[in-house]
Amino acid sequence: MTAKMLKAITLFFVTGLTTGIVTVILSYFFSWVMWSAAGVILALGLVVSLVVARSQGWVLVRATAKRYLAATLIIVVAYPISVLVMIGGSILYGRLYEVLFSARAQERLAIGDNPSGREGFFVGLALAAIVGAVLVSLALRVLTRKWEKRSTFLLVIAGLVTIPLSQAIATLLREPNWHLVLFPVGEAFFSALCGYWLLRASPVQEQDDSLPAAVGDPHHRPA
């Protein structure tokens, strides 16, 4: 990883962490912010990061205003869609558990243990993380007109890893509401990987990536 790439990814990471913290702070005053406006705040942070990265010559992605707008709208709606997936996944898990393990489900319900309440929540959260990663990837695909399979894979992994990592950090901080940690951690990872995608899609980066193969190839001979 070059120094330029490291600086750019750090910029996006810090901005994402900041937008996540802002989302949590605003949610204390407006509960709807966390679930319906988080995408707007993240999109604004990504725009700031992109402007700074372009001014420094780190990212040189060229896009029309329509593609910028379309990518922004996809990121904005990614959060509410992910929330719906989380709720739907939680409910579906509970229903499937009741159908496949009806006797066991009745025993657990009798002692106040509802699979759709605990296990279903994490299943829904994992599905939401995957859907969110795919939607962010779609937004970046629209913006750059390139599909970065490696970045998409990393976004999915980051979304899934964010869940246990946020729980661990919340435990260390003695924060009972661990989902408050979920937003800063998740948005920091997602934003950093957005920067990584944009860097890899930049013409300068593509040229840099092709140089080692051409110069370092022992079988390469000048024409």
Foldseek 3Di string as FASTA:
>chain_A
DDPLLVVLLVLLLVLQLVLLLVQLVVCVVPVCSVQQVSLVSLLVSLVVSVVVSVVVVLFDADFDPVLNVVLSVLSNCLRNVLVVQLLVQLVVVQVVCCVVPVVVQVVCVVVVHRCSVPVSNLRSQLVSQLSSLVSNQVSLCSRLVDRDPVLSVQSSVQSNVLVVVLVVVCVVVVNPPSVSSSRSSSSSSSSSSSSVSSSCSGPVNVVVVVVCCQVVPPPHDDD
